[in-house]
PDB file of N, CA and C in Angstrom:
ATOM      1  N   LEU A   1     118.691  76.372  95.949  1.00  0.00           N
ATOM      2  CA  LEU A   1     117.907  75.533  96.677  1.00  0.00           C
ATOM      3  C   LEU A   1     119.217  74.242  97.019  1.00  0.00           C
ATOM      4  N   GLU A   2     120.170  74.143  96.088  1.00  0.00           N
ATOM      5  CA  GLU A   2     121.036  73.342  96.451  1.00  0.00           C
ATOM      6  C   GLU A   2     121.703  73.499  97.855  1.00  0.00           C
ATOM      7  N   ALA A   3     122.129  74.842  98.134  1.00  0.00           N
ATOM      8  CA  ALA A   3     122.684  75.168  99.092  1.00  0.00           C
ATOM      9  C   ALA A   3     121.956  74.905 100.409  1.00  0.00           C
ATOM     10  N   ARG A   4     120.624  75.168 100.247  1.00  0.00           N
ATOM     11  CA  ARG A   4     119.648  74.854 101.468  1.00  0.00           C
ATOM     12  C   ARG A   4     119.753  73.301 101.679  1.00  0.00           C
ATOM     13  N   SER A   5     119.694  72.624 100.675  1.00  0.00           N
ATOM     14  CA  SER A   5     119.751  71.215 100.879  1.00  0.00           C
ATOM     15  C   SER A   5     121.146  70.685 101.581  1.00  0.00           C
ATOM     16  N   MET A   6     122.097  71.113 101.148  1.00  0.00           N
ATOM     17  CA  MET A   6     123.312  70.929 101.828  1.00  0.00           C
ATOM     18  C   MET A   6     123.437  71.455 103.184  1.00  0.00           C
ATOM     19  N   ALA A   7     122.819  72.328 103.547  1.00  0.00           N
ATOM     20  CA  ALA A   7     122.918  72.860 104.981  1.00  0.00           C
ATOM     21  C   ALA A   7     121.701  72.237 105.666  1.00  0.00           C
ATOM     22  N   GLY A   8     120.968  71.445 105.223  1.00  0.00           N
ATOM     23  CA  GLY A   8     120.112  70.396 106.026  1.00  0.00           C
ATOM     24  C   GLY A   8     118.528  71.204 106.101  1.00  0.00           C
ATOM     25  N   LEU A   9     118.402  72.310 105.204  1.00  0.00           N
ATOM     26  CA  LEU A   9     117.311  72.985 105.271  1.00  0.00           C
ATOM     27  C   LEU A   9     116.094  72.433 104.298  1.00  0.00           C
ATOM     28  N   GLU A  10     114.899  72.730 104.423  1.00  0.00           N
ATOM     29  CA  GLU A  10     113.987  72.245 103.529  1.00  0.00           C
ATOM     30  C   GLU A  10     113.817  73.357 102.357  1.00  0.00           C
ATOM     31  N   PRO A  11     113.668  72.901 101.274  1.00  0.00           N
ATOM     32  CA  PRO A  11     113.499  73.769 100.147  1.00  0.00           C
ATOM     33  C   PRO A  11     112.119  74.655 100.373  1.00  0.00           C
ATOM     34  N   ILE A  12     112.384  75.892  99.624  1.00  0.00           N
ATOM     35  CA  ILE A  12     111.296  76.798  99.689  1.00  0.00           C
ATOM     36  C   ILE A  12     110.673  76.863  98.287  1.00  0.00           C
ATOM     37  N   SER A  13     109.415  76.834  98.308  1.00  0.00           N
ATOM     38  CA  SER A  13     108.487  76.892  97.003  1.00  0.00           C
ATOM     39  C   SER A  13     107.796  77.881  97.201  1.00  0.00           C
ATOM     40  N   SER A  14     106.876  78.196  95.963  1.00  0.00           N
ATOM     41  CA  SER A  14     105.888  79.119  96.037  1.00  0.00           C
ATOM     42  C   SER A  14     104.700  78.735  96.939  1.00  0.00           C
ATOM     43  N   ASP A  15     104.662  77.531  97.499  1.00  0.00           N
ATOM     44  CA  ASP A  15     103.689  77.037  98.247  1.00  0.00           C
ATOM     45  C   ASP A  15     103.984  77.211  99.553  1.00  0.00           C
ATOM     46  N   THR A  16     105.442  77.394  99.903  1.00  0.00           N
ATOM     47  CA  THR A  16     105.659  77.584 101.370  1.00  0.00           C
ATOM     48  C   THR A  16     105.142  78.722 102.051  1.00  0.00           C
ATOM     49  N   ARG A  17     104.519  78.475 103.025  1.00  0.00           N
ATOM     50  CA  ARG A  17     104.016  79.649 103.771  1.00  0.00           C
ATOM     51  C   ARG A  17     104.874  80.376 104.771  1.00  0.00           C
ATOM     52  N   ASN A  18     104.919  81.525 104.757  1.00  0.00           N
ATOM     53  CA  ASN A  18     105.824  82.180 105.492  1.00  0.00           C
ATOM     54  C   ASN A  18     107.440  81.635 105.744  1.00  0.00           C
ATOM     55  N   PRO A  19     108.097  81.642 104.432  1.00  0.00           N
ATOM     56  CA  PRO A  19     109.289  80.983 104.376  1.00  0.00           C
ATOM     57  C   PRO A  19     110.445  81.872 105.079  1.00  0.00           C
ATOM     58  N   VAL A  20     111.323  81.211 105.680  1.00  0.00           N
ATOM     59  CA  VAL A  20     112.484  81.918 106.379  1.00  0.00           C
ATOM     60  C   VAL A  20     113.739  81.627 105.413  1.00  0.00           C
ATOM     61  N   ILE A  21     114.100  82.691 104.794  1.00  0.00           N
ATOM     62  CA  ILE A  21     115.166  82.604 103.716  1.00  0.00           C
ATOM     63  C   ILE A  21     116.338  82.116 104.377  1.00  0.00           C
ATOM     64  N   TRP A  22     116.787  82.783 105.532  1.00  0.00           N
ATOM     65  CA  TRP A  22     117.961  82.460 106.232  1.00  0.00           C
ATOM     66  C   TRP A  22     117.662  82.356 107.738  1.00  0.00           C
ATOM     67  N   PRO A  23     117.361  81.149 108.183  1.00  0.00           N
ATOM     68  CA  PRO A  23     117.090  80.837 109.596  1.00  0.00           C
ATOM     69  C   PRO A  23     118.307  81.129 110.457  1.00  0.00           C
ATOM     70  N   LYS A  24     117.892  81.419 111.821  1.00  0.00           N
ATOM     71  CA  LYS A  24     118.918  81.509 112.779  1.00  0.00           C
ATOM     72  C   LYS A  24     119.265  80.154 113.297  1.00  0.00           C
ATOM     73  N   GLN A  25     120.626  80.124 113.679  1.00  0.00           N
ATOM     74  CA  GLN A  25     121.160  78.992 113.974  1.00  0.00           C
ATOM     75  C   GLN A  25     121.110  78.955 115.540  1.00  0.00           C
ATOM     76  N   THR A  26     120.772  77.526 115.944  1.00  0.00           N
ATOM     77  CA  THR A  26     120.683  77.252 117.565  1.00  0.00           C
ATOM     78  C   THR A  26     122.066  77.300 118.206  1.00  0.00           C
ATOM     79  N   MET A  27     122.154  77.130 119.374  1.00  0.00           N
ATOM     80  CA  MET A  27     123.228  76.858 120.062  1.00  0.00           C
ATOM     81  C   MET A  27     123.820  75.583 119.664  1.00  0.00           C
ATOM     82  N   GLU A  28     123.019  74.571 119.382  1.00  0.00           N
ATOM     83  CA  GLU A  28     123.372  73.184 118.987  1.00  0.00           C
ATOM     84  C   GLU A  28     123.616  73.027 117.612  1.00  0.00           C
ATOM     85  N   CYS A  29     123.817  74.307 117.054  1.00  0.00           N
ATOM     86  CA  CYS A  29     124.193  74.313 115.301  1.00  0.00           C
ATOM     87  C   CYS A  29     122.937  73.671 114.671  1.00  0.00           C
ATOM     88  N   ASP A  30     121.833  73.583 114.993  1.00  0.00           N
ATOM     89  CA  ASP A  30     120.622  73.250 114.203  1.00  0.00           C
ATOM     90  C   ASP A  30     119.886  74.397 113.796  1.00  0.00           C
ATOM     91  N   TRP A  31     119.099  74.414 112.738  1.00  0.00           N
ATOM     92  CA  TRP A  31     118.436  75.448 112.378  1.00  0.00           C
ATOM     93  C   TRP A  31     116.989  75.712 113.161  1.00  0.00           C
ATOM     94  N   SER A  32     116.897  76.905 113.347  1.00  0.00           N
ATOM     95  CA  SER A  32     115.491  77.486 114.277  1.00  0.00           C
ATOM     96  C   SER A  32     114.672  77.775 112.968  1.00  0.00           C
ATOM     97  N   ILE A  33     113.514  77.983 113.446  1.00  0.00           N
ATOM     98  CA  ILE A  33     112.276  78.370 112.655  1.00  0.00           C
ATOM     99  C   ILE A  33     112.204  79.775 112.454  1.00  0.00           C
ATOM    100  N   LEU A  34     112.922  80.638 113.429  1.00  0.00           N
ATOM    101  CA  LEU A  34     113.169  81.942 113.317  1.00  0.00           C
ATOM    102  C   LEU A  34     114.054  82.482 112.423  1.00  0.00           C
ATOM    103  N   PRO A  35     113.939  83.709 111.728  1.00  0.00           N
ATOM    104  CA  PRO A  35     114.710  84.197 110.916  1.00  0.00           C
ATOM    105  C   PRO A  35     116.122  84.684 111.598  1.00  0.00           C
ATOM    106  N   ALA A  36     117.088  84.641 110.791  1.00  0.00           N
ATOM    107  CA  ALA A  36     118.413  85.220 111.438  1.00  0.00           C
ATOM    108  C   ALA A  36     118.265  86.913 111.512  1.00  0.00           C
ATOM    109  N   ALA A  37     118.731  87.265 112.384  1.00  0.00           N
ATOM    110  CA  ALA A  37     118.908  88.883 112.759  1.00  0.00           C
ATOM    111  C   ALA A  37     120.070  89.368 111.869  1.00  0.00           C
ATOM    112  N   PRO A  38     120.050  90.751 111.494  1.00  0.00           N
ATOM    113  CA  PRO A  38     120.971  91.361 110.695  1.00  0.00           C
ATOM    114  C   PRO A  38     122.429  90.997 111.219  1.00  0.00           C
ATOM    115  N   SER A  39     122.453  90.995 112.683  1.00  0.00           N
ATOM    116  CA  SER A  39     123.926  90.856 113.348  1.00  0.00           C
ATOM    117  C   SER A  39     124.329  89.467 113.072  1.00  0.00           C
ATOM    118  N   ASP A  40     123.376  88.506 112.821  1.00  0.00           N
ATOM    119  CA  ASP A  40     123.757  87.201 112.628  1.00  0.00           C
ATOM    120  C   ASP A  40     124.389  87.104 111.149  1.00  0.00           C
ATOM    121  N   LEU A  41     123.722  87.661 110.195  1.00  0.00           N
ATOM    122  CA  LEU A  41     124.057  87.835 109.013  1.00  0.00           C
ATOM    123  C   LEU A  41     125.448  88.566 108.677  1.00  0.00           C
ATOM    124  N   SER A  42     125.718  89.644 109.444  1.00  0.00           N
ATOM    125  CA  SER A  42     126.855  90.288 109.511  1.00  0.00           C
ATOM    126  C   SER A  42     127.955  89.410 109.924  1.00  0.00           C
ATOM    127  N   ALA A  43     127.926  88.570 111.118  1.00  0.00           N
ATOM    128  CA  ALA A  43     128.896  87.833 111.515  1.00  0.00           C
ATOM    129  C   ALA A  43     129.183  86.732 110.432  1.00  0.00           C
ATOM    130  N   ALA A  44     128.177  86.143 109.741  1.00  0.00           N
ATOM    131  CA  ALA A  44     128.377  85.271 108.780  1.00  0.00           C
ATOM    132  C   ALA A  44     129.287  85.602 107.517  1.00  0.00           C
ATOM    133  N   LEU A  45     128.877  86.927 107.208  1.00  0.00           N
ATOM    134  CA  LEU A  45     129.566  87.543 106.156  1.00  0.00           C
ATOM    135  C   LEU A  45     131.252  87.852 106.463  1.00  0.00           C
ATOM    136  N   ARG A  46     131.405  88.236 107.629  1.00  0.00           N
ATOM    137  CA  ARG A  46     132.776  88.632 108.325  1.00  0.00           C
ATOM    138  C   ARG A  46     133.446  87.253 108.380  1.00  0.00           C
ATOM    139  N   ASN A  47     132.877  86.259 108.692  1.00  0.00           N
ATOM    140  CA  ASN A  47     133.381  84.916 108.891  1.00  0.00           C
ATOM    141  C   ASN A  47     133.870  84.384 107.560  1.00  0.00           C
ATOM    142  N   ALA A  48     133.032  84.585 106.578  1.00  0.00           N
ATOM    143  CA  ALA A  48     133.448  84.066 105.149  1.00  0.00           C
ATOM    144  C   ALA A  48     134.396  84.911 104.682  1.00  0.00           C
ATOM    145  N   LEU A  49     134.592  86.056 104.864  1.00  0.00           N
ATOM    146  CA  LEU A  49     135.597  87.042 104.255  1.00  0.00           C
ATOM    147  C   LEU A  49     137.024  86.684 105.031  1.00  0.00           C
ATOM    148  N   LEU A  50     136.770  86.185 106.066  1.00  0.00           N
ATOM    149  CA  LEU A  50     138.079  85.914 106.813  1.00  0.00           C
ATOM    150  C   LEU A  50     138.610  84.506 106.234  1.00  0.00           C
ATOM    151  N   LYS A  51     137.894  83.473 105.976  1.00  0.00           N
ATOM    152  CA  LYS A  51     138.144  82.409 105.331  1.00  0.00           C
ATOM    153  C   LYS A  51     138.884  82.621 103.848  1.00  0.00           C
ATOM    154  N   TYR A  52     138.469  83.753 103.376  1.00  0.00           N
ATOM    155  CA  TYR A  52     139.188  84.130 102.130  1.00  0.00           C
ATOM    156  C   TYR A  52     140.338  84.891 102.254  1.00  0.00           C
ATOM    157  N   GLY A  53     140.950  85.091 103.348  1.00  0.00           N
ATOM    158  CA  GLY A  53     142.004  85.830 103.580  1.00  0.00           C
ATOM    159  C   GLY A  53     142.047  87.241 103.895  1.00  0.00           C
ATOM    160  N   TRP A  54     140.842  87.956 104.107  1.00  0.00           N
ATOM    161  CA  TRP A  54     140.678  89.352 104.709  1.00  0.00           C
ATOM    162  C   TRP A  54     141.242  89.125 106.198  1.00  0.00           C
ATOM    163  N   GLN A  55     141.686  90.355 106.677  1.00  0.00           N
ATOM    164  CA  GLN A  55     142.135  90.533 108.120  1.00  0.00           C
ATOM    165  C   GLN A  55     141.026  91.222 108.852  1.00  0.00           C
ATOM    166  N   ILE A  56     141.043  90.699 110.021  1.00  0.00           N
ATOM    167  CA  ILE A  56     139.824  91.063 110.907  1.00  0.00           C
ATOM    168  C   ILE A  56     139.904  92.610 110.960  1.00  0.00           C
ATOM    169  N   GLU A  57     140.949  93.353 110.961  1.00  0.00           N
ATOM    170  CA  GLU A  57     141.001  94.729 111.132  1.00  0.00           C
ATOM    171  C   GLU A  57     140.374  95.530 110.049  1.00  0.00           C
ATOM    172  N   ASP A  58     140.366  94.812 108.900  1.00  0.00           N
ATOM    173  CA  ASP A  58     139.823  95.399 107.474  1.00  0.00           C
ATOM    174  C   ASP A  58     138.153  95.134 107.645  1.00  0.00           C
ATOM    175  N   LEU A  59     137.481  94.304 108.565  1.00  0.00           N
ATOM    176  CA  LEU A  59     136.241  93.966 108.694  1.00  0.00           C
ATOM    177  C   LEU A  59     135.448  94.818 109.583  1.00  0.00           C
ATOM    178  N   GLN A  60     135.961  95.639 110.081  1.00  0.00           N
ATOM    179  CA  GLN A  60     135.269  96.402 111.524  1.00  0.00           C
ATOM    180  C   GLN A  60     134.104  97.145 110.948  1.00  0.00           C
ATOM    181  N   ASN A  61     133.878  97.656 109.548  1.00  0.00           N
ATOM    182  CA  ASN A  61     132.859  98.397 109.099  1.00  0.00           C
ATOM    183  C   ASN A  61     131.972  97.405 108.083  1.00  0.00           C
ATOM    184  N   VAL A  62     132.432  96.223 108.041  1.00  0.00           N
ATOM    185  CA  VAL A  62     131.804  95.244 107.191  1.00  0.00           C
ATOM    186  C   VAL A  62     130.368  94.782 107.845  1.00  0.00           C
ATOM    187  N   SER A  63     129.309  94.844 107.321  1.00  0.00           N
ATOM    188  CA  SER A  63     128.193  94.353 107.780  1.00  0.00           C
ATOM    189  C   SER A  63     127.137  93.889 106.554  1.00  0.00           C
ATOM    190  N   SER A  64     125.941  93.280 107.172  1.00  0.00           N
ATOM    191  CA  SER A  64     124.997  92.686 106.174  1.00  0.00           C
ATOM    192  C   SER A  64     124.384  94.071 105.325  1.00  0.00           C
ATOM    193  N   HIS A  65     124.419  95.173 105.942  1.00  0.00           N
ATOM    194  CA  HIS A  65     124.119  96.317 105.152  1.00  0.00           C
ATOM    195  C   HIS A  65     125.215  96.683 104.013  1.00  0.00           C
ATOM    196  N   SER A  66     126.320  96.258 104.184  1.00  0.00           N
ATOM    197  CA  SER A  66     127.233  96.192 103.090  1.00  0.00           C
ATOM    198  C   SER A  66     126.818  95.598 101.883  1.00  0.00           C
ATOM    199  N   CYS A  67     126.215  94.392 101.860  1.00  0.00           N
ATOM    200  CA  CYS A  67     125.784  93.654 100.793  1.00  0.00           C
ATOM    201  C   CYS A  67     124.693  94.487 100.168  1.00  0.00           C
ATOM    202  N   LYS A  68     123.819  94.968 100.890  1.00  0.00           N
ATOM    203  CA  LYS A  68     122.807  95.816 100.461  1.00  0.00           C
ATOM    204  C   LYS A  68     123.152  97.079  99.657  1.00  0.00           C
ATOM    205  N   ALA A  69     124.095  97.632 100.338  1.00  0.00           N
ATOM    206  CA  ALA A  69     124.628  98.870  99.760  1.00  0.00           C
ATOM    207  C   ALA A  69     125.431  98.508  98.462  1.00  0.00           C
ATOM    208  N   THR A  70     125.992  97.360  98.229  1.00  0.00           N
ATOM    209  CA  THR A  70     126.677  97.079  97.345  1.00  0.00           C
ATOM    210  C   THR A  70     125.771  96.624  96.028  1.00  0.00           C
ATOM    211  N   LEU A  71     124.755  95.870  96.235  1.00  0.00           N
ATOM    212  CA  LEU A  71     123.655  95.534  95.407  1.00  0.00           C
ATOM    213  C   LEU A  71     123.059  96.823  94.787  1.00  0.00           C
ATOM    214  N   SER A  72     122.704  97.779  95.738  1.00  0.00           N
ATOM    215  CA  SER A  72     122.064  99.030  95.282  1.00  0.00           C
ATOM    216  C   SER A  72     122.919  99.647  94.409  1.00  0.00           C
ATOM    217  N   SER A  73     124.189  99.701  94.545  1.00  0.00           N
ATOM    218  CA  SER A  73     125.089 100.489  93.729  1.00  0.00           C
ATOM    219  C   SER A  73     125.130  99.779  92.335  1.00  0.00           C
ATOM    220  N   PHE A  74     125.217  98.489  92.441  1.00  0.00           N
ATOM    221  CA  PHE A  74     125.177  97.780  90.952  1.00  0.00           C
ATOM    222  C   PHE A  74     123.963  98.052  90.300  1.00  0.00           C
ATOM    223  N   ALA A  75     122.859  98.068  90.908  1.00  0.00           N
ATOM    224  CA  ALA A  75     121.688  98.485  90.199  1.00  0.00           C
ATOM    225  C   ALA A  75     121.493  99.664  89.789  1.00  0.00           C
ATOM    226  N   ALA A  76     121.911 100.846  90.553  1.00  0.00           N
ATOM    227  CA  ALA A  76     122.104 101.962  90.049  1.00  0.00           C
ATOM    228  C   ALA A  76     123.033 102.350  88.832  1.00  0.00           C
ATOM    229  N   LYS A  77     124.192 101.715  88.868  1.00  0.00           N
ATOM    230  CA  LYS A  77     125.223 101.781  87.627  1.00  0.00           C
ATOM    231  C   LYS A  77     124.414 101.032  86.413  1.00  0.00           C
ATOM    232  N   ARG A  78     123.706 100.126  86.653  1.00  0.00           N
ATOM    233  CA  ARG A  78     123.116  99.371  85.663  1.00  0.00           C
ATOM    234  C   ARG A  78     121.959 100.003  85.098  1.00  0.00           C
ATOM    235  N   GLY A  79     121.295 101.081  85.997  1.00  0.00           N
ATOM    236  CA  GLY A  79     120.261 101.809  85.199  1.00  0.00           C
ATOM    237  C   GLY A  79     118.779 101.395  85.669  1.00  0.00           C
ATOM    238  N   MET A  80     118.883 100.613  86.845  1.00  0.00           N
ATOM    239  CA  MET A  80     117.500 100.286  87.451  1.00  0.00           C
ATOM    240  C   MET A  80     116.918 101.609  87.887  1.00  0.00           C
ATOM    241  N   PRO A  81     115.576 101.555  87.565  1.00  0.00           N
ATOM    242  CA  PRO A  81     114.781 102.879  88.069  1.00  0.00           C
ATOM    243  C   PRO A  81     114.916 103.135  89.632  1.00  0.00           C
ATOM    244  N   GLU A  82     115.135 104.314  89.938  1.00  0.00           N
ATOM    245  CA  GLU A  82     115.294 104.822  91.434  1.00  0.00           C
ATOM    246  C   GLU A  82     114.102 104.103  92.298  1.00  0.00           C
ATOM    247  N   ALA A  83     112.758 104.019  91.646  1.00  0.00           N
ATOM    248  CA  ALA A  83     111.715 103.524  92.349  1.00  0.00           C
ATOM    249  C   ALA A  83     111.968 102.067  92.723  1.00  0.00           C
ATOM    250  N   ASP A  84     112.264 101.273  91.761  1.00  0.00           N
ATOM    251  CA  ASP A  84     112.775  99.906  91.937  1.00  0.00           C
ATOM    252  C   ASP A  84     113.753  99.777  93.029  1.00  0.00           C
ATOM    253  N   ARG A  85     114.854 100.520  92.950  1.00  0.00           N
ATOM    254  CA  ARG A  85     115.927 100.434  94.045  1.00  0.00           C
ATOM    255  C   ARG A  85     115.236 100.775  95.424  1.00  0.00           C
ATOM    256  N   ARG A  86     114.378 101.757  95.396  1.00  0.00           N
ATOM    257  CA  ARG A  86     113.842 102.090  96.666  1.00  0.00           C
ATOM    258  C   ARG A  86     113.131 100.719  97.360  1.00  0.00           C
ATOM    259  N   VAL A  87     112.260 100.234  96.447  1.00  0.00           N
ATOM    260  CA  VAL A  87     111.606  98.915  97.012  1.00  0.00           C
ATOM    261  C   VAL A  87     112.470  97.945  97.294  1.00  0.00           C
ATOM    262  N   LEU A  88     113.675  97.762  96.721  1.00  0.00           N
ATOM    263  CA  LEU A  88     114.692  96.649  97.163  1.00  0.00           C
ATOM    264  C   LEU A  88     115.220  96.950  98.414  1.00  0.00           C
ATOM    265  N   GLY A  89     115.300  98.086  98.712  1.00  0.00           N
ATOM    266  CA  GLY A  89     116.186  98.573  99.908  1.00  0.00           C
ATOM    267  C   GLY A  89     115.206  98.882 100.996  1.00  0.00           C
ATOM    268  N   TYR A  90     113.969  98.875 100.932  1.00  0.00           N
ATOM    269  CA  TYR A  90     112.714  99.336 101.837  1.00  0.00           C
ATOM    270  C   TYR A  90     112.932 100.603 102.070  1.00  0.00           C
ATOM    271  N   HIS A  91     113.297 101.651 101.184  1.00  0.00           N
ATOM    272  CA  HIS A  91     113.474 103.013 101.357  1.00  0.00           C
ATOM    273  C   HIS A  91     112.531 103.600 100.718  1.00  0.00           C
ATOM    274  N   LEU A  92     111.066 103.552 101.130  1.00  0.00           N
ATOM    275  CA  LEU A  92     110.029 104.084 100.487  1.00  0.00           C
ATOM    276  C   LEU A  92     109.671 105.412 100.926  1.00  0.00           C
ATOM    277  N   ASP A  93     108.987 106.265 100.271  1.00  0.00           N
ATOM    278  CA  ASP A  93     108.553 107.633 100.667  1.00  0.00           C
ATOM    279  C   ASP A  93     107.674 107.594 101.852  1.00  0.00           C
ATOM    280  N   ARG A  94     107.688 108.447 102.622  1.00  0.00           N
ATOM    281  CA  ARG A  94     106.804 108.611 103.919  1.00  0.00           C
ATOM    282  C   ARG A  94     105.358 108.350 103.747  1.00  0.00           C
ATOM    283  N   GLY A  95     104.805 108.645 102.611  1.00  0.00           N
ATOM    284  CA  GLY A  95     103.516 108.636 102.163  1.00  0.00           C
ATOM    285  C   GLY A  95     103.061 107.334 101.653  1.00  0.00           C
ATOM    286  N   THR A  96     104.053 106.377 101.544  1.00  0.00           N
ATOM    287  CA  THR A  96     103.769 105.104 101.033  1.00  0.00           C
ATOM    288  C   THR A  96     102.796 104.341 101.900  1.00  0.00           C
ATOM    289  N   THR A  97     101.846 103.576 101.339  1.00  0.00           N
ATOM    290  CA  THR A  97     101.080 102.719 102.193  1.00  0.00           C
ATOM    291  C   THR A  97     101.570 101.556 102.781  1.00  0.00           C
ATOM    292  N   THR A  98     101.040 101.131 103.711  1.00  0.00           N
ATOM    293  CA  THR A  98     101.595  99.736 104.316  1.00  0.00           C
ATOM    294  C   THR A  98     101.433  98.435 103.165  1.00  0.00           C
ATOM    295  N   VAL A  99     100.540  98.618 102.510  1.00  0.00           N
ATOM    296  CA  VAL A  99     100.221  97.428 101.608  1.00  0.00           C
ATOM    297  C   VAL A  99     101.491  97.455 100.437  1.00  0.00           C
ATOM    298  N   LYS A 100     101.906  98.720 100.172  1.00  0.00           N
ATOM    299  CA  LYS A 100     103.083  98.790  99.372  1.00  0.00           C
ATOM    300  C   LYS A 100     104.382  98.594 100.009  1.00  0.00           C
ATOM    301  N   SER A 101     104.295  99.006 101.258  1.00  0.00           N
ATOM    302  CA  SER A 101     105.382  98.598 102.182  1.00  0.00           C
ATOM    303  C   SER A 101     106.113  97.348 102.365  1.00  0.00           C
ATOM    304  N   TYR A 102     104.852  96.557 102.613  1.00  0.00           N
ATOM    305  CA  TYR A 102     104.947  95.046 103.103  1.00  0.00           C
ATOM    306  C   TYR A 102     104.570  94.082 102.069  1.00  0.00           C
ATOM    307  N   GLY A 103     104.076  94.448 101.039  1.00  0.00           N
ATOM    308  CA  GLY A 103     103.618  93.585  99.909  1.00  0.00           C
ATOM    309  C   GLY A 103     104.759  92.917  99.194  1.00  0.00           C
ATOM    310  N   ARG A 104     105.123  91.628  99.589  1.00  0.00           N
ATOM    311  CA  ARG A 104     106.204  90.784  98.887  1.00  0.00           C
ATOM    312  C   ARG A 104     106.142  90.859  97.513  1.00  0.00           C
ATOM    313  N   ASP A 105     104.924  90.958  96.922  1.00  0.00           N
ATOM    314  CA  ASP A 105     104.769  90.779  95.359  1.00  0.00           C
ATOM    315  C   ASP A 105     105.411  92.086  94.691  1.00  0.00           C
ATOM    316  N   ASN A 106     105.519  93.137  95.428  1.00  0.00           N
ATOM    317  CA  ASN A 106     106.111  94.445  94.927  1.00  0.00           C
ATOM    318  C   ASN A 106     107.580  94.209  94.737  1.00  0.00           C
ATOM    319  N   LEU A 107     108.087  93.231  95.485  1.00  0.00           N
ATOM    320  CA  LEU A 107     109.514  92.997  95.121  1.00  0.00           C
ATOM    321  C   LEU A 107     109.916  92.152  93.808  1.00  0.00           C
ATOM    322  N   ALA A 108     108.775  91.464  93.245  1.00  0.00           N
ATOM    323  CA  ALA A 108     109.057  90.444  92.348  1.00  0.00           C
ATOM    324  C   ALA A 108     109.896  91.051  91.178  1.00  0.00           C
ATOM    325  N   ALA A 109     109.370  92.059  90.450  1.00  0.00           N
ATOM    326  CA  ALA A 109     109.849  92.865  89.497  1.00  0.00           C
ATOM    327  C   ALA A 109     111.396  93.134  89.565  1.00  0.00           C
ATOM    328  N   PRO A 110     111.627  93.815  90.811  1.00  0.00           N
ATOM    329  CA  PRO A 110     112.742  94.466  90.984  1.00  0.00           C
ATOM    330  C   PRO A 110     113.773  93.258  91.297  1.00  0.00           C
ATOM    331  N   LEU A 111     113.571  92.300  91.997  1.00  0.00           N
ATOM    332  CA  LEU A 111     114.315  91.093  92.262  1.00  0.00           C
ATOM    333  C   LEU A 111     114.611  90.391  90.808  1.00  0.00           C
ATOM    334  N   ARG A 112     113.841  90.286  89.908  1.00  0.00           N
ATOM    335  CA  ARG A 112     114.267  89.627  88.677  1.00  0.00           C
ATOM    336  C   ARG A 112     115.088  90.568  87.803  1.00  0.00           C
ATOM    337  N   GLN A 113     115.007  91.783  87.908  1.00  0.00           N
ATOM    338  CA  GLN A 113     115.987  92.846  87.432  1.00  0.00           C
ATOM    339  C   GLN A 113     117.312  92.533  88.073  1.00  0.00           C
ATOM    340  N   LEU A 114     117.424  92.526  89.627  1.00  0.00           N
ATOM    341  CA  LEU A 114     118.686  92.199  90.315  1.00  0.00           C
ATOM    342  C   LEU A 114     119.157  90.982  89.652  1.00  0.00           C
ATOM    343  N   ASP A 115     118.418  89.900  89.540  1.00  0.00           N
ATOM    344  CA  ASP A 115     118.903  88.704  89.162  1.00  0.00           C
ATOM    345  C   ASP A 115     119.785  88.870  87.964  1.00  0.00           C
ATOM    346  N   VAL A 116     119.209  89.454  86.903  1.00  0.00           N
ATOM    347  CA  VAL A 116     119.825  89.751  85.631  1.00  0.00           C
ATOM    348  C   VAL A 116     121.192  90.516  85.787  1.00  0.00           C
ATOM    349  N   ILE A 117     121.063  91.459  86.638  1.00  0.00           N
ATOM    350  CA  ILE A 117     122.280  92.367  86.954  1.00  0.00           C
ATOM    351  C   ILE A 117     123.386  91.403  87.547  1.00  0.00           C
ATOM    352  N   LEU A 118     122.947  90.537  88.705  1.00  0.00           N
ATOM    353  CA  LEU A 118     124.023  89.733  89.235  1.00  0.00           C
ATOM    354  C   LEU A 118     124.708  88.737  88.163  1.00  0.00           C
ATOM    355  N   GLY A 119     123.689  88.344  87.420  1.00  0.00           N
ATOM    356  CA  GLY A 119     124.441  87.352  86.264  1.00  0.00           C
ATOM    357  C   GLY A 119     125.247  88.174  85.406  1.00  0.00           C
ATOM    358  N   GLU A 120     124.958  89.258  85.039  1.00  0.00           N
ATOM    359  CA  GLU A 120     125.990  90.030  84.243  1.00  0.00           C
ATOM    360  C   GLU A 120     127.335  90.327  85.017  1.00  0.00           C
ATOM    361  N   VAL A 121     127.119  90.463  86.308  1.00  0.00           N
ATOM    362  CA  VAL A 121     128.369  90.814  87.235  1.00  0.00           C
ATOM    363  C   VAL A 121     129.273  89.539  87.205  1.00  0.00           C
ATOM    364  N   ILE A 122     128.538  88.443  87.346  1.00  0.00           N
ATOM    365  CA  ILE A 122     129.239  87.110  87.490  1.00  0.00           C
ATOM    366  C   ILE A 122     129.887  86.881  86.113  1.00  0.00           C
ATOM    367  N   THR A 123     129.282  86.972  85.131  1.00  0.00           N
ATOM    368  CA  THR A 123     129.843  86.562  83.659  1.00  0.00           C
ATOM    369  C   THR A 123     130.818  87.803  83.145  1.00  0.00           C
ATOM    370  N   GLY A 124     130.834  88.824  83.847  1.00  0.00           N
ATOM    371  CA  GLY A 124     131.776  89.841  83.303  1.00  0.00           C
ATOM    372  C   GLY A 124     130.995  90.686  82.251  1.00  0.00           C
TER     373      GLY A 124
END
């Protein structure tokens, strides 16, 4: 929430309808009401890594999907059940219903687990 505030974005709460977690930036460097596209997130990730000393040639295959793959790897190594990892990665079985595929509440428990795992990674 602090990062959103510093960026000039409104806070998101459980009362917020259709929240945009990472909005698209406009040409004027303001925030749009539209969500950022994966390519926008990939560009932001590469720019952040460049600021930390990475070389551009080392970032050719780095994308927002790299973050998803890394988090999935952390979760697998920590023992998160495969079903929960599938939900987090939107990799559901073909027979899964639309309700299960798009129900945001289905993400609550796996996201809580992922939060614990990230806390463990951060603290070593």
